[in-house]
Structure formats: C-alpha cells, structure tokens
Amino acid sequence: MDRKDNGASFQIVVDGKSRSYRDTLETALEAGIFLKEQHPPSEVIVRDVRNNVQTVIGWKNGSAFSSDAIPAPGFSVPGPRSK
C-alpha cells in the first residue's frame, strides 16, 4: 500500500518529507529500515497516522534499527488506567 487515501495507517518520513505510506507496522518498519540503510545520515521516522506515535529508525555500528515508539510532541498516548 503506497497512499494515505487507500487507508494506510503508517507514514514514512525522511528528513521531514513524507516519502511513503504503508498499511501495517511491520511493512512500514521494514521500508524505514531499508531507506535508512540506503541513506544512513538521513533522519527516518515511521509515524502512525491514527494517533501520531513515531518510531525513529536509527543507525549504529553499520546497521539500521528501530527504536521504541514515542508520542509526537503535543500528543499523548493513553496509558493504563488506575483502579
């Protein structure tokens, strides 16, 4: 899936510019890691368009990896409720 209007839930952003959309987190992370391997100095982020949670694709010791998902500035993710 490559377009937001087709129901994609994940956006891939490279250096602040939207590059692609994917329908599952797994394929979005794979695409983000592939892009990071092709362009290590670039900032690559996989963003969930439903709740704006971002996963940064990093580069360390010659290979790409994905970090834990973090909420974007100004947004919060609901946590566990206290009883």
PDB file of N, CA and C in Angstrom:
ATOM      1  N   MET A   1       0.860  -1.162   0.000  1.00  0.00           N
ATOM      2  CA  MET A   1       0.000   0.000   0.000  1.00  0.00           C
ATOM      3  C   MET A   1       0.903   1.220   0.000  1.00  0.00           C
ATOM      4  N   ASP A   2       0.594   2.181  -0.830  1.00  0.00           N
ATOM      5  CA  ASP A   2       1.523   3.276  -1.012  1.00  0.00           C
ATOM      6  C   ASP A   2       0.905   4.664  -0.868  1.00  0.00           C
ATOM      7  N   ARG A   3      -0.413   4.750  -0.584  1.00  0.00           N
ATOM      8  CA  ARG A   3      -1.029   6.066  -0.496  1.00  0.00           C
ATOM      9  C   ARG A   3      -1.938   6.178   0.699  1.00  0.00           C
ATOM     10  N   LYS A   4      -1.904   7.341   1.325  1.00  0.00           N
ATOM     11  CA  LYS A   4      -2.709   7.569   2.520  1.00  0.00           C
ATOM     12  C   LYS A   4      -4.203   7.410   2.247  1.00  0.00           C
ATOM     13  N   ASP A   5      -4.685   7.856   1.100  1.00  0.00           N
ATOM     14  CA  ASP A   5      -6.113   7.791   0.819  1.00  0.00           C
ATOM     15  C   ASP A   5      -6.605   6.368   0.552  1.00  0.00           C
ATOM     16  N   ASN A   6      -5.702   5.391   0.528  1.00  0.00           N
ATOM     17  CA  ASN A   6      -6.098   3.990   0.383  1.00  0.00           C
ATOM     18  C   ASN A   6      -6.239   3.306   1.732  1.00  0.00           C
ATOM     19  N   GLY A   7      -6.219   4.067   2.815  1.00  0.00           N
ATOM     20  CA  GLY A   7      -6.402   3.504   4.138  1.00  0.00           C
ATOM     21  C   GLY A   7      -5.127   3.144   4.862  1.00  0.00           C
ATOM     22  N   ALA A   8      -3.994   3.618   4.376  1.00  0.00           N
ATOM     23  CA  ALA A   8      -2.727   3.315   5.044  1.00  0.00           C
ATOM     24  C   ALA A   8      -2.693   3.951   6.425  1.00  0.00           C
ATOM     25  N   SER A   9      -2.097   3.246   7.365  1.00  0.00           N
ATOM     26  CA  SER A   9      -2.051   3.718   8.746  1.00  0.00           C
ATOM     27  C   SER A   9      -0.689   4.253   9.161  1.00  0.00           C
ATOM     28  N   PHE A  10       0.348   4.012   8.346  1.00  0.00           N
ATOM     29  CA  PHE A  10       1.701   4.393   8.729  1.00  0.00           C
ATOM     30  C   PHE A  10       2.372   5.210   7.629  1.00  0.00           C
ATOM     31  N   GLN A  11       2.957   6.315   8.030  1.00  0.00           N
ATOM     32  CA  GLN A  11       3.641   7.229   7.119  1.00  0.00           C
ATOM     33  C   GLN A  11       5.142   7.096   7.344  1.00  0.00           C
ATOM     34  N   ILE A  12       5.912   7.084   6.262  1.00  0.00           N
ATOM     35  CA  ILE A  12       7.367   7.045   6.366  1.00  0.00           C
ATOM     36  C   ILE A  12       7.886   8.418   5.967  1.00  0.00           C
ATOM     37  N   VAL A  13       8.616   9.047   6.882  1.00  0.00           N
ATOM     38  CA  VAL A  13       9.112  10.407   6.694  1.00  0.00           C
ATOM     39  C   VAL A  13      10.643  10.365   6.659  1.00  0.00           C
ATOM     40  N   VAL A  14      11.233  10.971   5.626  1.00  0.00           N
ATOM     41  CA  VAL A  14      12.692  11.047   5.502  1.00  0.00           C
ATOM     42  C   VAL A  14      13.087  12.512   5.460  1.00  0.00           C
ATOM     43  N   ASP A  15      13.897  12.917   6.413  1.00  0.00           N
ATOM     44  CA  ASP A  15      14.354  14.308   6.522  1.00  0.00           C
ATOM     45  C   ASP A  15      13.197  15.302   6.488  1.00  0.00           C
ATOM     46  N   GLY A  16      12.114  14.960   7.183  1.00  0.00           N
ATOM     47  CA  GLY A  16      10.972  15.859   7.303  1.00  0.00           C
ATOM     48  C   GLY A  16      10.001  15.843   6.140  1.00  0.00           C
ATOM     49  N   LYS A  17      10.264  15.015   5.117  1.00  0.00           N
ATOM     50  CA  LYS A  17       9.385  14.944   3.952  1.00  0.00           C
ATOM     51  C   LYS A  17       8.725  13.577   3.885  1.00  0.00           C
ATOM     52  N   SER A  18       7.408  13.564   3.671  1.00  0.00           N
ATOM     53  CA  SER A  18       6.685  12.305   3.552  1.00  0.00           C
ATOM     54  C   SER A  18       7.143  11.566   2.300  1.00  0.00           C
ATOM     55  N   ARG A  19       7.540  10.301   2.467  1.00  0.00           N
ATOM     56  CA  ARG A  19       8.037   9.528   1.334  1.00  0.00           C
ATOM     57  C   ARG A  19       7.087   8.427   0.911  1.00  0.00           C
ATOM     58  N   SER A  20       6.365   7.841   1.866  1.00  0.00           N
ATOM     59  CA  SER A  20       5.555   6.682   1.539  1.00  0.00           C
ATOM     60  C   SER A  20       4.549   6.417   2.655  1.00  0.00           C
ATOM     61  N   TYR A  21       3.559   5.584   2.369  1.00  0.00           N
ATOM     62  CA  TYR A  21       2.582   5.129   3.351  1.00  0.00           C
ATOM     63  C   TYR A  21       2.489   3.610   3.277  1.00  0.00           C
ATOM     64  N   ARG A  22       2.272   2.969   4.415  1.00  0.00           N
ATOM     65  CA  ARG A  22       2.113   1.516   4.470  1.00  0.00           C
ATOM     66  C   ARG A  22       0.915   1.179   5.342  1.00  0.00           C
ATOM     67  N   ASP A  23       0.352  -0.008   5.130  1.00  0.00           N
ATOM     68  CA  ASP A  23      -0.852  -0.381   5.870  1.00  0.00           C
ATOM     69  C   ASP A  23      -0.580  -1.121   7.165  1.00  0.00           C
ATOM     70  N   THR A  24       0.594  -1.721   7.334  1.00  0.00           N
ATOM     71  CA  THR A  24       0.905  -2.410   8.584  1.00  0.00           C
ATOM     72  C   THR A  24       2.213  -1.876   9.161  1.00  0.00           C
ATOM     73  N   LEU A  25       2.349  -1.974  10.478  1.00  0.00           N
ATOM     74  CA  LEU A  25       3.561  -1.505  11.144  1.00  0.00           C
ATOM     75  C   LEU A  25       4.782  -2.286  10.678  1.00  0.00           C
ATOM     76  N   GLU A  26       4.627  -3.582  10.512  1.00  0.00           N
ATOM     77  CA  GLU A  26       5.754  -4.422  10.099  1.00  0.00           C
ATOM     78  C   GLU A  26       6.328  -3.979   8.749  1.00  0.00           C
ATOM     79  N   THR A  27       5.458  -3.767   7.759  1.00  0.00           N
ATOM     80  CA  THR A  27       5.962  -3.354   6.443  1.00  0.00           C
ATOM     81  C   THR A  27       6.498  -1.926   6.480  1.00  0.00           C
ATOM     82  N   ALA A  28       5.904  -1.072   7.315  1.00  0.00           N
ATOM     83  CA  ALA A  28       6.403   0.300   7.441  1.00  0.00           C
ATOM     84  C   ALA A  28       7.803   0.314   8.056  1.00  0.00           C
ATOM     85  N   LEU A  29       8.017  -0.488   9.101  1.00  0.00           N
ATOM     86  CA  LEU A  29       9.337  -0.553   9.722  1.00  0.00           C
ATOM     87  C   LEU A  29      10.369  -1.136   8.761  1.00  0.00           C
ATOM     88  N   GLU A  30       9.985  -2.159   8.009  1.00  0.00           N
ATOM     89  CA  GLU A  30      10.904  -2.745   7.030  1.00  0.00           C
ATOM     90  C   GLU A  30      11.297  -1.712   5.978  1.00  0.00           C
ATOM     91  N   ALA A  31      10.314  -0.949   5.493  1.00  0.00           N
ATOM     92  CA  ALA A  31      10.605   0.086   4.495  1.00  0.00           C
ATOM     93  C   ALA A  31      11.474   1.185   5.089  1.00  0.00           C
ATOM     94  N   GLY A  32      11.197   1.581   6.336  1.00  0.00           N
ATOM     95  CA  GLY A  32      12.005   2.599   7.004  1.00  0.00           C
ATOM     96  C   GLY A  32      13.436   2.146   7.203  1.00  0.00           C
ATOM     97  N   ILE A  33      13.623   0.902   7.618  1.00  0.00           N
ATOM     98  CA  ILE A  33      14.974   0.359   7.795  1.00  0.00           C
ATOM     99  C   ILE A  33      15.702   0.289   6.462  1.00  0.00           C
ATOM    100  N   PHE A  34      15.007  -0.122   5.416  1.00  0.00           N
ATOM    101  CA  PHE A  34      15.620  -0.164   4.080  1.00  0.00           C
ATOM    102  C   PHE A  34      16.087   1.233   3.660  1.00  0.00           C
ATOM    103  N   LEU A  35      15.228   2.246   3.852  1.00  0.00           N
ATOM    104  CA  LEU A  35      15.604   3.612   3.488  1.00  0.00           C
ATOM    105  C   LEU A  35      16.801   4.092   4.307  1.00  0.00           C
ATOM    106  N   LYS A  36      16.835   3.756   5.598  1.00  0.00           N
ATOM    107  CA  LYS A  36      17.951   4.166   6.453  1.00  0.00           C
ATOM    108  C   LYS A  36      19.249   3.501   6.003  1.00  0.00           C
ATOM    109  N   GLU A  37      19.176   2.236   5.576  1.00  0.00           N
ATOM    110  CA  GLU A  37      20.368   1.547   5.079  1.00  0.00           C
ATOM    111  C   GLU A  37      20.887   2.175   3.792  1.00  0.00           C
ATOM    112  N   GLN A  38      19.995   2.707   2.976  1.00  0.00           N
ATOM    113  CA  GLN A  38      20.394   3.357   1.730  1.00  0.00           C
ATOM    114  C   GLN A  38      20.943   4.760   1.970  1.00  0.00           C
ATOM    115  N   HIS A  39      20.460   5.432   3.028  1.00  0.00           N
ATOM    116  CA  HIS A  39      20.839   6.813   3.331  1.00  0.00           C
ATOM    117  C   HIS A  39      21.085   6.977   4.832  1.00  0.00           C
ATOM    118  N   PRO A  40      22.197   6.438   5.359  1.00  0.00           N
ATOM    119  CA  PRO A  40      22.448   6.468   6.807  1.00  0.00           C
ATOM    120  C   PRO A  40      22.409   7.847   7.464  1.00  0.00           C
ATOM    121  N   PRO A  41      22.877   8.933   6.801  1.00  0.00           N
ATOM    122  CA  PRO A  41      22.847  10.218   7.505  1.00  0.00           C
ATOM    123  C   PRO A  41      21.445  10.851   7.587  1.00  0.00           C
ATOM    124  N   SER A  42      20.482  10.339   6.846  1.00  0.00           N
ATOM    125  CA  SER A  42      19.138  10.916   6.823  1.00  0.00           C
ATOM    126  C   SER A  42      18.352  10.527   8.072  1.00  0.00           C
ATOM    127  N   GLU A  43      17.435  11.418   8.493  1.00  0.00           N
ATOM    128  CA  GLU A  43      16.526  11.123   9.587  1.00  0.00           C
ATOM    129  C   GLU A  43      15.321  10.376   9.020  1.00  0.00           C
ATOM    130  N   VAL A  44      15.054   9.174   9.509  1.00  0.00           N
ATOM    131  CA  VAL A  44      13.936   8.355   9.023  1.00  0.00           C
ATOM    132  C   VAL A  44      13.011   8.080  10.202  1.00  0.00           C
ATOM    133  N   ILE A  45      11.720   8.390  10.016  1.00  0.00           N
ATOM    134  CA  ILE A  45      10.713   8.202  11.061  1.00  0.00           C
ATOM    135  C   ILE A  45       9.517   7.474  10.463  1.00  0.00           C
ATOM    136  N   VAL A  46       8.993   6.499  11.202  1.00  0.00           N
ATOM    137  CA  VAL A  46       7.740   5.834  10.837  1.00  0.00           C
ATOM    138  C   VAL A  46       6.692   6.376  11.805  1.00  0.00           C
ATOM    139  N   ARG A  47       5.640   6.981  11.250  1.00  0.00           N
ATOM    140  CA  ARG A  47       4.622   7.633  12.072  1.00  0.00           C
ATOM    141  C   ARG A  47       3.276   6.954  11.885  1.00  0.00           C
ATOM    142  N   ASP A  48       2.613   6.635  12.983  1.00  0.00           N
ATOM    143  CA  ASP A  48       1.256   6.092  12.961  1.00  0.00           C
ATOM    144  C   ASP A  48       0.313   7.275  12.760  1.00  0.00           C
ATOM    145  N   VAL A  49      -0.366   7.334  11.629  1.00  0.00           N
ATOM    146  CA  VAL A  49      -1.205   8.498  11.322  1.00  0.00           C
ATOM    147  C   VAL A  49      -2.488   8.532  12.154  1.00  0.00           C
ATOM    148  N   ARG A  50      -2.848   7.433  12.796  1.00  0.00           N
ATOM    149  CA  ARG A  50      -4.065   7.411  13.609  1.00  0.00           C
ATOM    150  C   ARG A  50      -3.870   8.100  14.943  1.00  0.00           C
ATOM    151  N   ASN A  51      -2.717   7.898  15.589  1.00  0.00           N
ATOM    152  CA  ASN A  51      -2.509   8.502  16.912  1.00  0.00           C
ATOM    153  C   ASN A  51      -1.192   9.286  17.008  1.00  0.00           C
ATOM    154  N   ASN A  52      -0.510   9.452  15.899  1.00  0.00           N
ATOM    155  CA  ASN A  52       0.694  10.283  15.784  1.00  0.00           C
ATOM    156  C   ASN A  52       1.882   9.763  16.605  1.00  0.00           C
ATOM    157  N   VAL A  53       1.916   8.474  16.892  1.00  0.00           N
ATOM    158  CA  VAL A  53       3.067   7.878  17.573  1.00  0.00           C
ATOM    159  C   VAL A  53       4.170   7.664  16.541  1.00  0.00           C
ATOM    160  N   GLN A  54       5.403   8.022  16.918  1.00  0.00           N
ATOM    161  CA  GLN A  54       6.517   7.952  15.985  1.00  0.00           C
ATOM    162  C   GLN A  54       7.545   6.915  16.426  1.00  0.00           C
ATOM    163  N   THR A  55       8.117   6.223  15.447  1.00  0.00           N
ATOM    164  CA  THR A  55       9.212   5.296  15.685  1.00  0.00           C
ATOM    165  C   THR A  55      10.393   5.786  14.861  1.00  0.00           C
ATOM    166  N   VAL A  56      11.484   6.097  15.523  1.00  0.00           N
ATOM    167  CA  VAL A  56      12.675   6.604  14.852  1.00  0.00           C
ATOM    168  C   VAL A  56      13.520   5.418  14.405  1.00  0.00           C
ATOM    169  N   ILE A  57      13.989   5.470  13.156  1.00  0.00           N
ATOM    170  CA  ILE A  57      14.891   4.449  12.637  1.00  0.00           C
ATOM    171  C   ILE A  57      16.307   4.977  12.830  1.00  0.00           C
ATOM    172  N   GLY A  58      17.099   4.247  13.579  1.00  0.00           N
ATOM    173  CA  GLY A  58      18.457   4.684  13.911  1.00  0.00           C
ATOM    174  C   GLY A  58      19.519   3.931  13.124  1.00  0.00           C
ATOM    175  N   TRP A  59      20.768   4.342  13.326  1.00  0.00           N
ATOM    176  CA  TRP A  59      21.914   3.742  12.661  1.00  0.00           C
ATOM    177  C   TRP A  59      23.029   3.587  13.679  1.00  0.00           C
ATOM    178  N   LYS A  60      23.510   2.360  13.854  1.00  0.00           N
ATOM    179  CA  LYS A  60      24.589   2.129  14.817  1.00  0.00           C
ATOM    180  C   LYS A  60      25.449   0.959  14.330  1.00  0.00           C
ATOM    181  N   ASN A  61      26.752   1.150  14.390  1.00  0.00           N
ATOM    182  CA  ASN A  61      27.707   0.102  14.017  1.00  0.00           C
ATOM    183  C   ASN A  61      27.432  -0.506  12.646  1.00  0.00           C
ATOM    184  N   GLY A  62      27.049   0.327  11.690  1.00  0.00           N
ATOM    185  CA  GLY A  62      26.868  -0.127  10.314  1.00  0.00           C
ATOM    186  C   GLY A  62      25.565  -0.818  10.003  1.00  0.00           C
ATOM    187  N   SER A  63      24.563  -0.723  10.892  1.00  0.00           N
ATOM    188  CA  SER A  63      23.269  -1.319  10.567  1.00  0.00           C
ATOM    189  C   SER A  63      22.132  -0.470  11.134  1.00  0.00           C
ATOM    190  N   ALA A  64      20.977  -0.571  10.485  1.00  0.00           N
ATOM    191  CA  ALA A  64      19.800   0.198  10.882  1.00  0.00           C
ATOM    192  C   ALA A  64      19.013  -0.576  11.932  1.00  0.00           C
ATOM    193  N   PHE A  65      18.282   0.156  12.798  1.00  0.00           N
ATOM    194  CA  PHE A  65      17.429  -0.464  13.809  1.00  0.00           C
ATOM    195  C   PHE A  65      16.279   0.478  14.107  1.00  0.00           C
ATOM    196  N   SER A  66      15.209  -0.066  14.676  1.00  0.00           N
ATOM    197  CA  SER A  66      14.064   0.774  15.055  1.00  0.00           C
ATOM    198  C   SER A  66      14.050   0.934  16.567  1.00  0.00           C
ATOM    199  N   SER A  67      13.691   2.132  17.015  1.00  0.00           N
ATOM    200  CA  SER A  67      13.617   2.428  18.446  1.00  0.00           C
ATOM    201  C   SER A  67      12.205   2.133  18.948  1.00  0.00           C
ATOM    202  N   ASP A  68      12.006   2.335  20.239  1.00  0.00           N
ATOM    203  CA  ASP A  68      10.656   2.224  20.790  1.00  0.00           C
ATOM    204  C   ASP A  68       9.805   3.363  20.251  1.00  0.00           C
ATOM    205  N   ALA A  69       8.522   3.117  20.097  1.00  0.00           N
ATOM    206  CA  ALA A  69       7.600   4.146  19.629  1.00  0.00           C
ATOM    207  C   ALA A  69       7.442   5.218  20.695  1.00  0.00           C
ATOM    208  N   ILE A  70       7.417   6.481  20.255  1.00  0.00           N
ATOM    209  CA  ILE A  70       7.238   7.602  21.173  1.00  0.00           C
ATOM    210  C   ILE A  70       6.148   8.515  20.636  1.00  0.00           C
ATOM    211  N   PRO A  71       5.352   9.126  21.528  1.00  0.00           N
ATOM    212  CA  PRO A  71       4.343  10.071  21.052  1.00  0.00           C
ATOM    213  C   PRO A  71       5.014  11.327  20.510  1.00  0.00           C
ATOM    214  N   ALA A  72       4.446  11.886  19.470  1.00  0.00           N
ATOM    215  CA  ALA A  72       4.965  13.125  18.894  1.00  0.00           C
ATOM    216  C   ALA A  72       4.705  14.271  19.861  1.00  0.00           C
ATOM    217  N   PRO A  73       5.491  15.338  19.786  1.00  0.00           N
ATOM    218  CA  PRO A  73       5.268  16.486  20.675  1.00  0.00           C
ATOM    219  C   PRO A  73       3.842  17.014  20.550  1.00  0.00           C
ATOM    220  N   GLY A  74       3.222  17.272  21.674  1.00  0.00           N
ATOM    221  CA  GLY A  74       1.866  17.809  21.675  1.00  0.00           C
ATOM    222  C   GLY A  74       0.783  16.748  21.688  1.00  0.00           C
ATOM    223  N   PHE A  75       1.169  15.477  21.614  1.00  0.00           N
ATOM    224  CA  PHE A  75       0.200  14.392  21.621  1.00  0.00           C
ATOM    225  C   PHE A  75       0.509  13.462  22.776  1.00  0.00           C
ATOM    226  N   SER A  76      -0.498  12.793  23.282  1.00  0.00           N
ATOM    227  CA  SER A  76      -0.262  11.820  24.333  1.00  0.00           C
ATOM    228  C   SER A  76      -0.931  10.513  23.940  1.00  0.00           C
ATOM    229  N   VAL A  77      -0.363   9.436  24.431  1.00  0.00           N
ATOM    230  CA  VAL A  77      -0.903   8.113  24.180  1.00  0.00           C
ATOM    231  C   VAL A  77      -1.539   7.627  25.465  1.00  0.00           C
ATOM    232  N   PRO A  78      -2.782   7.159  25.417  1.00  0.00           N
ATOM    233  CA  PRO A  78      -3.425   6.710  26.645  1.00  0.00           C
ATOM    234  C   PRO A  78      -2.647   5.559  27.272  1.00  0.00           C
ATOM    235  N   GLY A  79      -2.446   5.627  28.571  1.00  0.00           N
ATOM    236  CA  GLY A  79      -1.750   4.583  29.295  1.00  0.00           C
ATOM    237  C   GLY A  79      -2.731   3.744  30.087  1.00  0.00           C
ATOM    238  N   PRO A  80      -2.210   2.856  30.906  1.00  0.00           N
ATOM    239  CA  PRO A  80      -3.110   2.033  31.741  1.00  0.00           C
ATOM    240  C   PRO A  80      -3.872   2.907  32.737  1.00  0.00           C
ATOM    241  N   ARG A  81      -5.092   2.545  32.976  1.00  0.00           N
ATOM    242  CA  ARG A  81      -5.916   3.301  33.911  1.00  0.00           C
ATOM    243  C   ARG A  81      -5.724   2.771  35.318  1.00  0.00           C
ATOM    244  N   SER A  82      -5.711   3.695  36.271  1.00  0.00           N
ATOM    245  CA  SER A  82      -5.613   3.260  37.667  1.00  0.00           C
ATOM    246  C   SER A  82      -6.995   2.885  38.173  1.00  0.00           C
ATOM    247  N   LYS A  83      -7.023   1.978  39.135  1.00  0.00           N
ATOM    248  CA  LYS A  83      -8.320   1.480  39.636  1.00  0.00           C
ATOM    249  C   LYS A  83      -8.812   2.298  40.792  1.00  0.00           C
TER     250      LYS A  83
END
